[in-house]
Amino acid sequence: MTAVSLMSKGILLRATESGIVGGREAKPHSRPYMASIQYLGHHSCGGILIREDFVLTAAHCKYENRGPCTVVLGAHDISKKEKSQQHIEVAKYYPHPKYNGTLNYDIMLLKVKLTTLKNHVKTIRIPKKNGKTPANIECLVAGWGLTKVNGSCSNVLKEAREKIQFGTECSHIWKHHFRSDHMICTKFTKKSGGVCQGDSGGPLICNKMPQGITAFTFASNCNDPKYPHVFTKVNFFIPWIEQTMKKRGMMHEPLVKGIMAFSSLTENALVLKKNSKDGACVYARHVKKNS
């Protein structure tokens, strides 16, 4: 099914159209593994630092012909030049080889130069392969992005709590769009909040480990509890992650600006969304090409 037809069914293909709705401001620098992935100097996606030279994010966070991509580490307020921040240009993109612009295999590694690990910049340990995350356990999501549906972007890191949902329940709602082998989904309440526009590529943290990478939500209303939020399941991809980092970690990688192609029926248009405090984020909107 094409990206356009998925949109017609109400799926938010890119949680780059997402941020934490509701929730609360995170304690400054309490999540030192968090990364802000930026284009044109504006936040676009989240990510996590899993090694000194690799950031894990969503594959759909890579844009064509948008200039260099920068990873910002050690940030709490991305509208400010905090002394804790490190701005690092991405040297190489490694989307999963099976990713083709649809909802499946939506995971990517970003190769960056070695970061300086300090109090405000640290790696997070990834889970073991094929591990299980029990349903109903409470997990945390975090990111910079829209703070309410059709609202403004957040300059500061926000977080919210969501609970793991049974895969059968996710399949019932999302039908064939949900793949239980490499996806995981969560339930939430309007009061607790959760991911929405700006949080793509950000983590789902369960028991202090990243079990998911934010992937997609309901298009019309990301804060509608009837529609579970969907994440790419990290433990399914551990062999690929480890193999990619082992092969590429010590190699000199030239700076590149290329990107994979999206569906032939869609093009990726960046939209600048300013917030009330003069901050801004960039998110993806998929539109049908003129025939």
C-alpha atoms as a PDB file:
ATOM      1  CA  MET A   1       0.000   0.000   0.000  1.00  0.00           C
ATOM      2  CA  THR A   2       1.363   3.418  -0.868  1.00  0.00           C
ATOM      3  CA  ALA A   3       2.044   6.194   1.603  1.00  0.00           C
ATOM      4  CA  VAL A   4      -0.777   8.250   0.099  1.00  0.00           C
ATOM      5  CA  SER A   5      -3.372   5.515   0.594  1.00  0.00           C
ATOM      6  CA  LEU A   6      -2.148   4.992   4.150  1.00  0.00           C
ATOM      7  CA  MET A   7      -2.713   8.669   4.850  1.00  0.00           C
ATOM      8  CA  SER A   8      -6.242   8.393   3.536  1.00  0.00           C
ATOM      9  CA  LYS A   9      -6.876   5.772   6.219  1.00  0.00           C
ATOM     10  CA  GLY A  10      -5.849   8.158   8.959  1.00  0.00           C
ATOM     11  CA  ILE A  11      -2.314   6.982   9.672  1.00  0.00           C
ATOM     12  CA  LEU A  12       0.260   9.567  10.610  1.00  0.00           C
ATOM     13  CA  LEU A  13       3.066   8.142   8.554  1.00  0.00           C
ATOM     14  CA  ARG A  14       5.738  10.192  10.095  1.00  0.00           C
ATOM     15  CA  ALA A  15       5.813  11.006  13.736  1.00  0.00           C
ATOM     16  CA  THR A  16       8.144  13.728  12.566  1.00  0.00           C
ATOM     17  CA  GLU A  17       4.727  15.231  12.580  1.00  0.00           C
ATOM     18  CA  SER A  18       4.947  14.585  16.301  1.00  0.00           C
ATOM     19  CA  GLY A  19       5.913  15.871  19.784  1.00  0.00           C
ATOM     20  CA  ILE A  20       4.896  15.233  23.394  1.00  0.00           C
ATOM     21  CA  VAL A  21       1.254  16.223  23.864  1.00  0.00           C
ATOM     22  CA  GLY A  22       0.436  16.805  27.513  1.00  0.00           C
ATOM     23  CA  GLY A  23       3.049  15.218  29.728  1.00  0.00           C
ATOM     24  CA  ARG A  24       5.503  17.376  31.639  1.00  0.00           C
ATOM     25  CA  GLU A  25       8.821  19.110  31.235  1.00  0.00           C
ATOM     26  CA  ALA A  26      11.682  16.714  31.904  1.00  0.00           C
ATOM     27  CA  LYS A  27      14.163  17.534  34.628  1.00  0.00           C
ATOM     28  CA  PRO A  28      16.955  19.363  32.765  1.00  0.00           C
ATOM     29  CA  HIS A  29      19.623  16.957  31.511  1.00  0.00           C
ATOM     30  CA  SER A  30      18.016  13.975  33.258  1.00  0.00           C
ATOM     31  CA  ARG A  31      18.071  12.069  29.951  1.00  0.00           C
ATOM     32  CA  PRO A  32      21.642  12.624  28.700  1.00  0.00           C
ATOM     33  CA  TYR A  33      21.217  10.084  25.885  1.00  0.00           C
ATOM     34  CA  MET A  34      18.591  12.214  24.096  1.00  0.00           C
ATOM     35  CA  ALA A  35      19.475  13.705  20.713  1.00  0.00           C
ATOM     36  CA  SER A  36      17.759  16.428  18.706  1.00  0.00           C
ATOM     37  CA  ILE A  37      18.135  15.761  14.978  1.00  0.00           C
ATOM     38  CA  GLN A  38      18.055  19.044  13.117  1.00  0.00           C
ATOM     39  CA  TYR A  39      17.825  20.313   9.544  1.00  0.00           C
ATOM     40  CA  LEU A  40      18.286  23.961   8.666  1.00  0.00           C
ATOM     41  CA  GLY A  41      18.954  24.620  12.331  1.00  0.00           C
ATOM     42  CA  HIS A  42      15.503  23.417  13.387  1.00  0.00           C
ATOM     43  CA  HIS A  43      14.455  20.318  15.328  1.00  0.00           C
ATOM     44  CA  SER A  44      12.988  17.584  13.164  1.00  0.00           C
ATOM     45  CA  CYS A  45      13.308  14.272  15.019  1.00  0.00           C
ATOM     46  CA  GLY A  46      14.497  12.724  18.222  1.00  0.00           C
ATOM     47  CA  GLY A  47      17.121  10.046  18.640  1.00  0.00           C
ATOM     48  CA  ILE A  48      19.258   8.323  21.252  1.00  0.00           C
ATOM     49  CA  LEU A  49      23.021   8.045  21.633  1.00  0.00           C
ATOM     50  CA  ILE A  50      23.820   4.327  21.897  1.00  0.00           C
ATOM     51  CA  ARG A  51      27.561   4.594  21.343  1.00  0.00           C
ATOM     52  CA  GLU A  52      29.983   7.511  21.309  1.00  0.00           C
ATOM     53  CA  ASP A  53      29.751   7.598  17.521  1.00  0.00           C
ATOM     54  CA  PHE A  54      26.231   6.288  16.754  1.00  0.00           C
ATOM     55  CA  VAL A  55      22.727   7.690  17.202  1.00  0.00           C
ATOM     56  CA  LEU A  56      19.659   5.475  16.781  1.00  0.00           C
ATOM     57  CA  THR A  57      16.539   7.022  15.232  1.00  0.00           C
ATOM     58  CA  ALA A  58      13.748   6.373  12.701  1.00  0.00           C
ATOM     59  CA  ALA A  59      14.581   5.813   9.029  1.00  0.00           C
ATOM     60  CA  HIS A  60      11.923   8.286   7.889  1.00  0.00           C
ATOM     61  CA  CYS A  61      13.870  11.052   9.653  1.00  0.00           C
ATOM     62  CA  LYS A  62      16.216  11.277   6.676  1.00  0.00           C
ATOM     63  CA  TYR A  63      15.248  13.931   4.138  1.00  0.00           C
ATOM     64  CA  GLU A  64      16.263  14.460   0.537  1.00  0.00           C
ATOM     65  CA  ASN A  65      18.055  17.631  -0.545  1.00  0.00           C
ATOM     66  CA  ARG A  66      17.606  19.384   2.795  1.00  0.00           C
ATOM     67  CA  GLY A  67      21.239  20.205   3.471  1.00  0.00           C
ATOM     68  CA  PRO A  68      23.395  18.755   6.221  1.00  0.00           C
ATOM     69  CA  CYS A  69      21.828  17.002   9.170  1.00  0.00           C
ATOM     70  CA  THR A  70      23.080  17.952  12.621  1.00  0.00           C
ATOM     71  CA  VAL A  71      22.767  15.976  15.843  1.00  0.00           C
ATOM     72  CA  VAL A  72      22.506  18.076  18.993  1.00  0.00           C
ATOM     73  CA  LEU A  73      23.489  16.318  22.211  1.00  0.00           C
ATOM     74  CA  GLY A  74      23.401  17.543  25.798  1.00  0.00           C
ATOM     75  CA  ALA A  75      20.404  19.789  25.207  1.00  0.00           C
ATOM     76  CA  HIS A  76      17.419  20.618  27.351  1.00  0.00           C
ATOM     77  CA  ASP A  77      16.270  23.887  25.784  1.00  0.00           C
ATOM     78  CA  ILE A  78      17.066  23.652  22.086  1.00  0.00           C
ATOM     79  CA  SER A  79      16.276  27.333  21.535  1.00  0.00           C
ATOM     80  CA  LYS A  80      19.311  28.292  23.614  1.00  0.00           C
ATOM     81  CA  LYS A  81      23.045  27.821  23.168  1.00  0.00           C
ATOM     82  CA  GLU A  82      23.568  25.840  26.341  1.00  0.00           C
ATOM     83  CA  LYS A  83      27.168  25.180  27.354  1.00  0.00           C
ATOM     84  CA  SER A  84      26.318  21.494  27.674  1.00  0.00           C
ATOM     85  CA  GLN A  85      25.340  21.157  24.007  1.00  0.00           C
ATOM     86  CA  GLN A  86      27.398  19.427  21.333  1.00  0.00           C
ATOM     87  CA  HIS A  87      26.437  20.075  17.685  1.00  0.00           C
ATOM     88  CA  ILE A  88      27.746  17.308  15.436  1.00  0.00           C
ATOM     89  CA  GLU A  89      27.164  16.927  11.703  1.00  0.00           C
ATOM     90  CA  VAL A  90      26.065  13.477  10.570  1.00  0.00           C
ATOM     91  CA  ALA A  91      28.822  11.715   8.649  1.00  0.00           C
ATOM     92  CA  LYS A  92      26.828   8.764   7.312  1.00  0.00           C
ATOM     93  CA  TYR A  93      23.261   7.456   7.287  1.00  0.00           C
ATOM     94  CA  TYR A  94      22.492   3.762   7.756  1.00  0.00           C
ATOM     95  CA  PRO A  95      18.758   3.123   7.301  1.00  0.00           C
ATOM     96  CA  HIS A  96      17.739  -0.504   7.648  1.00  0.00           C
ATOM     97  CA  PRO A  97      18.285  -2.231   4.281  1.00  0.00           C
ATOM     98  CA  LYS A  98      14.635  -3.347   4.148  1.00  0.00           C
ATOM     99  CA  TYR A  99      13.229   0.133   4.720  1.00  0.00           C
ATOM    100  CA  ASN A 100      11.517   1.432   1.565  1.00  0.00           C
ATOM    101  CA  GLY A 101       9.602   4.480   2.748  1.00  0.00           C
ATOM    102  CA  THR A 102       6.619   2.598   4.199  1.00  0.00           C
ATOM    103  CA  LEU A 103       5.896   1.836   7.861  1.00  0.00           C
ATOM    104  CA  ASN A 104       8.027  -1.294   8.034  1.00  0.00           C
ATOM    105  CA  TYR A 105      11.659  -1.504   9.214  1.00  0.00           C
ATOM    106  CA  ASP A 106      11.561   2.163  10.169  1.00  0.00           C
ATOM    107  CA  ILE A 107      14.902   2.361  11.953  1.00  0.00           C
ATOM    108  CA  MET A 108      18.225   4.027  11.174  1.00  0.00           C
ATOM    109  CA  LEU A 109      21.708   4.545  12.587  1.00  0.00           C
ATOM    110  CA  LEU A 110      23.470   7.882  12.232  1.00  0.00           C
ATOM    111  CA  LYS A 111      27.272   7.811  12.224  1.00  0.00           C
ATOM    112  CA  VAL A 112      28.796  10.851  13.903  1.00  0.00           C
ATOM    113  CA  LYS A 113      32.311  11.706  14.955  1.00  0.00           C
ATOM    114  CA  LEU A 114      33.251  10.572  18.455  1.00  0.00           C
ATOM    115  CA  THR A 115      31.314  12.554  21.018  1.00  0.00           C
ATOM    116  CA  THR A 116      32.710  13.780  24.305  1.00  0.00           C
ATOM    117  CA  LEU A 117      30.861  11.972  27.070  1.00  0.00           C
ATOM    118  CA  LYS A 118      30.203  14.292  30.011  1.00  0.00           C
ATOM    119  CA  ASN A 119      27.568  14.663  32.711  1.00  0.00           C
ATOM    120  CA  HIS A 120      25.025  15.920  30.171  1.00  0.00           C
ATOM    121  CA  VAL A 121      25.994  13.588  27.300  1.00  0.00           C
ATOM    122  CA  LYS A 122      25.913   9.846  27.908  1.00  0.00           C
ATOM    123  CA  THR A 123      25.041   6.696  26.000  1.00  0.00           C
ATOM    124  CA  ILE A 124      22.111   4.437  26.830  1.00  0.00           C
ATOM    125  CA  ARG A 125      22.415   0.661  26.858  1.00  0.00           C
ATOM    126  CA  ILE A 126      20.291  -1.174  24.299  1.00  0.00           C
ATOM    127  CA  PRO A 127      18.352  -4.368  25.152  1.00  0.00           C
ATOM    128  CA  LYS A 128      19.281  -7.915  24.248  1.00  0.00           C
ATOM    129  CA  LYS A 129      17.986  -9.364  20.998  1.00  0.00           C
ATOM    130  CA  ASN A 130      14.543 -10.945  20.933  1.00  0.00           C
ATOM    131  CA  GLY A 131      13.801  -9.940  24.509  1.00  0.00           C
ATOM    132  CA  LYS A 132      10.192  -9.484  25.581  1.00  0.00           C
ATOM    133  CA  THR A 133       8.523  -6.413  27.022  1.00  0.00           C
ATOM    134  CA  PRO A 134       5.436  -7.481  29.019  1.00  0.00           C
ATOM    135  CA  ALA A 135       2.120  -5.801  28.362  1.00  0.00           C
ATOM    136  CA  ASN A 136       0.823  -3.223  30.824  1.00  0.00           C
ATOM    137  CA  ILE A 137       4.215  -2.122  32.114  1.00  0.00           C
ATOM    138  CA  GLU A 138       4.631   1.640  32.252  1.00  0.00           C
ATOM    139  CA  CYS A 139       7.236   3.196  29.970  1.00  0.00           C
ATOM    140  CA  LEU A 140       8.464   6.697  29.258  1.00  0.00           C
ATOM    141  CA  VAL A 141       8.522   8.683  26.025  1.00  0.00           C
ATOM    142  CA  ALA A 142      10.450  11.912  25.570  1.00  0.00           C
ATOM    143  CA  GLY A 143      11.044  14.528  22.916  1.00  0.00           C
ATOM    144  CA  TRP A 144      10.786  18.067  21.606  1.00  0.00           C
ATOM    145  CA  GLY A 145       7.793  18.853  19.420  1.00  0.00           C
ATOM    146  CA  LEU A 146       4.184  19.967  19.398  1.00  0.00           C
ATOM    147  CA  THR A 147       2.723  20.227  22.891  1.00  0.00           C
ATOM    148  CA  LYS A 148      -0.866  19.849  21.725  1.00  0.00           C
ATOM    149  CA  VAL A 149      -2.631  18.792  18.544  1.00  0.00           C
ATOM    150  CA  ASN A 150      -2.149  21.584  15.980  1.00  0.00           C
ATOM    151  CA  GLY A 151      -0.315  23.509  18.680  1.00  0.00           C
ATOM    152  CA  SER A 152       3.201  24.866  19.018  1.00  0.00           C
ATOM    153  CA  CYS A 153       6.591  23.236  19.349  1.00  0.00           C
ATOM    154  CA  SER A 154       8.376  22.803  22.642  1.00  0.00           C
ATOM    155  CA  ASN A 155      11.801  24.304  23.170  1.00  0.00           C
ATOM    156  CA  VAL A 156      12.394  22.159  26.250  1.00  0.00           C
ATOM    157  CA  LEU A 157      12.524  18.383  26.499  1.00  0.00           C
ATOM    158  CA  LYS A 158       9.188  16.930  27.570  1.00  0.00           C
ATOM    159  CA  GLU A 159       8.248  13.455  28.735  1.00  0.00           C
ATOM    160  CA  ALA A 160       5.124  11.372  29.298  1.00  0.00           C
ATOM    161  CA  ARG A 161       4.119   7.899  30.460  1.00  0.00           C
ATOM    162  CA  GLU A 162       2.555   5.242  28.248  1.00  0.00           C
ATOM    163  CA  LYS A 163       1.798   1.551  28.857  1.00  0.00           C
ATOM    164  CA  ILE A 164       2.719  -1.371  26.631  1.00  0.00           C
ATOM    165  CA  GLN A 165      -0.339  -2.810  24.923  1.00  0.00           C
ATOM    166  CA  PHE A 166      -0.952  -6.392  23.841  1.00  0.00           C
ATOM    167  CA  GLY A 167       0.054  -7.004  20.227  1.00  0.00           C
ATOM    168  CA  THR A 168      -3.340  -8.511  19.450  1.00  0.00           C
ATOM    169  CA  GLU A 169      -5.019  -5.266  20.493  1.00  0.00           C
ATOM    170  CA  CYS A 170      -2.690  -3.285  18.253  1.00  0.00           C
ATOM    171  CA  SER A 171      -3.374  -5.583  15.319  1.00  0.00           C
ATOM    172  CA  HIS A 172      -7.117  -5.227  15.866  1.00  0.00           C
ATOM    173  CA  ILE A 173      -6.889  -1.435  15.546  1.00  0.00           C
ATOM    174  CA  TRP A 174      -4.129  -1.043  12.955  1.00  0.00           C
ATOM    175  CA  LYS A 175      -4.848  -4.239  10.975  1.00  0.00           C
ATOM    176  CA  HIS A 176      -2.042  -5.214   8.580  1.00  0.00           C
ATOM    177  CA  HIS A 177      -0.170  -1.955   9.194  1.00  0.00           C
ATOM    178  CA  PHE A 178       0.983  -3.339  12.539  1.00  0.00           C
ATOM    179  CA  ARG A 179       3.705  -5.994  12.409  1.00  0.00           C
ATOM    180  CA  SER A 180       4.090  -7.629  15.812  1.00  0.00           C
ATOM    181  CA  ASP A 181       7.496  -9.098  14.967  1.00  0.00           C
ATOM    182  CA  HIS A 182       9.187  -5.707  14.711  1.00  0.00           C
ATOM    183  CA  MET A 183       6.669  -3.243  16.161  1.00  0.00           C
ATOM    184  CA  ILE A 184       5.374  -2.519  19.639  1.00  0.00           C
ATOM    185  CA  CYS A 185       2.466  -0.285  20.651  1.00  0.00           C
ATOM    186  CA  THR A 186       1.278   1.602  23.695  1.00  0.00           C
ATOM    187  CA  LYS A 187      -1.895   2.812  25.321  1.00  0.00           C
ATOM    188  CA  PHE A 188      -2.263   6.180  26.976  1.00  0.00           C
ATOM    189  CA  THR A 189      -4.819   8.652  28.275  1.00  0.00           C
ATOM    190  CA  LYS A 190      -5.502  12.224  27.248  1.00  0.00           C
ATOM    191  CA  LYS A 191      -4.477  13.245  30.750  1.00  0.00           C
ATOM    192  CA  SER A 192      -1.127  11.432  30.688  1.00  0.00           C
ATOM    193  CA  GLY A 193      -0.355  12.528  27.126  1.00  0.00           C
ATOM    194  CA  GLY A 194       2.141  10.930  24.783  1.00  0.00           C
ATOM    195  CA  VAL A 195       3.930  11.218  21.459  1.00  0.00           C
ATOM    196  CA  CYS A 196       2.590  13.450  18.692  1.00  0.00           C
ATOM    197  CA  GLN A 197       4.077  15.934  16.113  1.00  0.00           C
ATOM    198  CA  GLY A 198       8.273  16.221  16.616  1.00  0.00           C
ATOM    199  CA  ASP A 199       9.026  12.989  18.491  1.00  0.00           C
ATOM    200  CA  SER A 200       9.790  10.647  15.600  1.00  0.00           C
ATOM    201  CA  GLY A 201      12.894   8.612  16.234  1.00  0.00           C
ATOM    202  CA  GLY A 202      12.719   9.277  19.960  1.00  0.00           C
ATOM    203  CA  PRO A 203      12.727   6.456  22.504  1.00  0.00           C
ATOM    204  CA  LEU A 204      10.195   4.375  24.372  1.00  0.00           C
ATOM    205  CA  ILE A 205      12.073   3.680  27.613  1.00  0.00           C
ATOM    206  CA  CYS A 206      10.975   0.647  29.634  1.00  0.00           C
ATOM    207  CA  ASN A 207      12.949  -0.465  32.691  1.00  0.00           C
ATOM    208  CA  LYS A 208      15.660   2.056  31.805  1.00  0.00           C
ATOM    209  CA  MET A 209      16.175   0.582  28.317  1.00  0.00           C
ATOM    210  CA  PRO A 210      15.025   1.800  24.879  1.00  0.00           C
ATOM    211  CA  GLN A 211      12.508  -0.813  23.788  1.00  0.00           C
ATOM    212  CA  GLY A 212      10.991   1.245  20.973  1.00  0.00           C
ATOM    213  CA  ILE A 213      11.657   4.043  18.478  1.00  0.00           C
ATOM    214  CA  THR A 214       8.690   6.351  17.821  1.00  0.00           C
ATOM    215  CA  ALA A 215       7.167   5.498  14.433  1.00  0.00           C
ATOM    216  CA  PHE A 216       3.519   6.485  13.782  1.00  0.00           C
ATOM    217  CA  THR A 217       0.213   7.536  15.347  1.00  0.00           C
ATOM    218  CA  PHE A 218      -3.322   8.402  14.255  1.00  0.00           C
ATOM    219  CA  ALA A 219      -3.195  11.262  11.755  1.00  0.00           C
ATOM    220  CA  SER A 220      -6.295  13.217  12.730  1.00  0.00           C
ATOM    221  CA  ASN A 221      -5.562  13.245  16.449  1.00  0.00           C
ATOM    222  CA  CYS A 222      -2.370  11.791  17.891  1.00  0.00           C
ATOM    223  CA  ASN A 223      -3.893  12.146  21.367  1.00  0.00           C
ATOM    224  CA  ASP A 224      -6.910   9.917  20.664  1.00  0.00           C
ATOM    225  CA  PRO A 225      -6.653   6.974  23.131  1.00  0.00           C
ATOM    226  CA  LYS A 226      -8.610   4.719  20.775  1.00  0.00           C
ATOM    227  CA  TYR A 227      -5.545   4.532  18.525  1.00  0.00           C
ATOM    228  CA  PRO A 228      -2.380   3.066  20.078  1.00  0.00           C
ATOM    229  CA  HIS A 229       0.948   4.749  19.400  1.00  0.00           C
ATOM    230  CA  VAL A 230       3.291   2.515  17.419  1.00  0.00           C
ATOM    231  CA  PHE A 231       7.044   2.124  17.846  1.00  0.00           C
ATOM    232  CA  THR A 232       9.722   0.167  16.022  1.00  0.00           C
ATOM    233  CA  LYS A 233      10.783  -2.700  18.308  1.00  0.00           C
ATOM    234  CA  VAL A 234      14.466  -2.228  19.139  1.00  0.00           C
ATOM    235  CA  ASN A 235      15.315  -5.743  20.327  1.00  0.00           C
ATOM    236  CA  PHE A 236      14.241  -7.225  16.986  1.00  0.00           C
ATOM    237  CA  PHE A 237      16.967  -5.187  15.269  1.00  0.00           C
ATOM    238  CA  ILE A 238      19.840  -5.812  17.699  1.00  0.00           C
ATOM    239  CA  PRO A 239      21.802  -8.108  15.316  1.00  0.00           C
ATOM    240  CA  TRP A 240      21.599  -5.476  12.546  1.00  0.00           C
ATOM    241  CA  ILE A 241      22.522  -2.667  14.944  1.00  0.00           C
ATOM    242  CA  GLU A 242      25.537  -4.524  16.312  1.00  0.00           C
ATOM    243  CA  GLN A 243      26.722  -5.646  12.884  1.00  0.00           C
ATOM    244  CA  THR A 244      26.412  -2.147  11.412  1.00  0.00           C
ATOM    245  CA  MET A 245      28.286  -0.508  14.265  1.00  0.00           C
ATOM    246  CA  LYS A 246      30.991  -3.175  14.190  1.00  0.00           C
ATOM    247  CA  LYS A 247      31.584  -2.784  10.455  1.00  0.00           C
ATOM    248  CA  ARG A 248      31.299   0.978  10.265  1.00  0.00           C
ATOM    249  CA  GLY A 249      32.377   2.210  13.662  1.00  0.00           C
ATOM    250  CA  MET A 250      36.101   2.547  13.095  1.00  0.00           C
ATOM    251  CA  MET A 251      36.013   3.511   9.431  1.00  0.00           C
ATOM    252  CA  HIS A 252      36.529   7.040   8.191  1.00  0.00           C
ATOM    253  CA  GLU A 253      33.179   8.117   6.791  1.00  0.00           C
ATOM    254  CA  PRO A 254      33.043  11.045   4.341  1.00  0.00           C
ATOM    255  CA  LEU A 255      30.309  13.615   4.855  1.00  0.00           C
ATOM    256  CA  VAL A 256      27.317  12.841   2.663  1.00  0.00           C
ATOM    257  CA  LYS A 257      24.121  14.684   1.875  1.00  0.00           C
ATOM    258  CA  GLY A 258      22.234  12.041  -0.071  1.00  0.00           C
ATOM    259  CA  ILE A 259      19.063  10.265   0.961  1.00  0.00           C
ATOM    260  CA  MET A 260      17.017   7.232   0.011  1.00  0.00           C
ATOM    261  CA  ALA A 261      13.960   7.696  -2.167  1.00  0.00           C
ATOM    262  CA  PHE A 262      10.491   7.706  -0.651  1.00  0.00           C
ATOM    263  CA  SER A 263       7.446   6.189  -2.336  1.00  0.00           C
ATOM    264  CA  SER A 264       7.169   7.248  -5.951  1.00  0.00           C
ATOM    265  CA  LEU A 265       3.730   8.653  -5.192  1.00  0.00           C
ATOM    266  CA  THR A 266       4.907  10.954  -2.442  1.00  0.00           C
ATOM    267  CA  GLU A 267       7.344  13.737  -1.901  1.00  0.00           C
ATOM    268  CA  ASN A 268       8.647  14.958   1.407  1.00  0.00           C
ATOM    269  CA  ALA A 269       7.907  18.630   2.073  1.00  0.00           C
ATOM    270  CA  LEU A 270       9.398  20.226   5.150  1.00  0.00           C
ATOM    271  CA  VAL A 271       7.129  22.498   7.121  1.00  0.00           C
ATOM    272  CA  LEU A 272       8.477  25.060   9.578  1.00  0.00           C
ATOM    273  CA  LYS A 273       6.329  25.242  12.690  1.00  0.00           C
ATOM    274  CA  LYS A 274       7.126  28.205  14.937  1.00  0.00           C
ATOM    275  CA  ASN A 275       6.151  28.217  18.564  1.00  0.00           C
ATOM    276  CA  SER A 276       5.077  30.977  20.886  1.00  0.00           C
ATOM    277  CA  LYS A 277       8.600  31.482  22.217  1.00  0.00           C
ATOM    278  CA  ASP A 278      10.170  32.029  18.800  1.00  0.00           C
ATOM    279  CA  GLY A 279      11.455  28.482  18.654  1.00  0.00           C
ATOM    280  CA  ALA A 280      10.768  26.262  15.689  1.00  0.00           C
ATOM    281  CA  CYS A 281      10.771  22.691  14.561  1.00  0.00           C
ATOM    282  CA  VAL A 282      10.710  21.178  11.106  1.00  0.00           C
ATOM    283  CA  TYR A 283       8.475  18.222  10.403  1.00  0.00           C
ATOM    284  CA  ALA A 284       7.576  16.139   7.394  1.00  0.00           C
ATOM    285  CA  ARG A 285       4.349  16.354   5.484  1.00  0.00           C
ATOM    286  CA  HIS A 286       3.714  13.839   2.701  1.00  0.00           C
ATOM    287  CA  VAL A 287       1.834  15.182  -0.274  1.00  0.00           C
ATOM    288  CA  LYS A 288       0.771  13.589  -3.512  1.00  0.00           C
ATOM    289  CA  LYS A 289       2.828  14.597  -6.515  1.00  0.00           C
ATOM    290  CA  ASN A 290       1.116  16.319  -9.368  1.00  0.00           C
ATOM    291  CA  SER A 291       0.342  13.827 -12.084  1.00  0.00           C
END
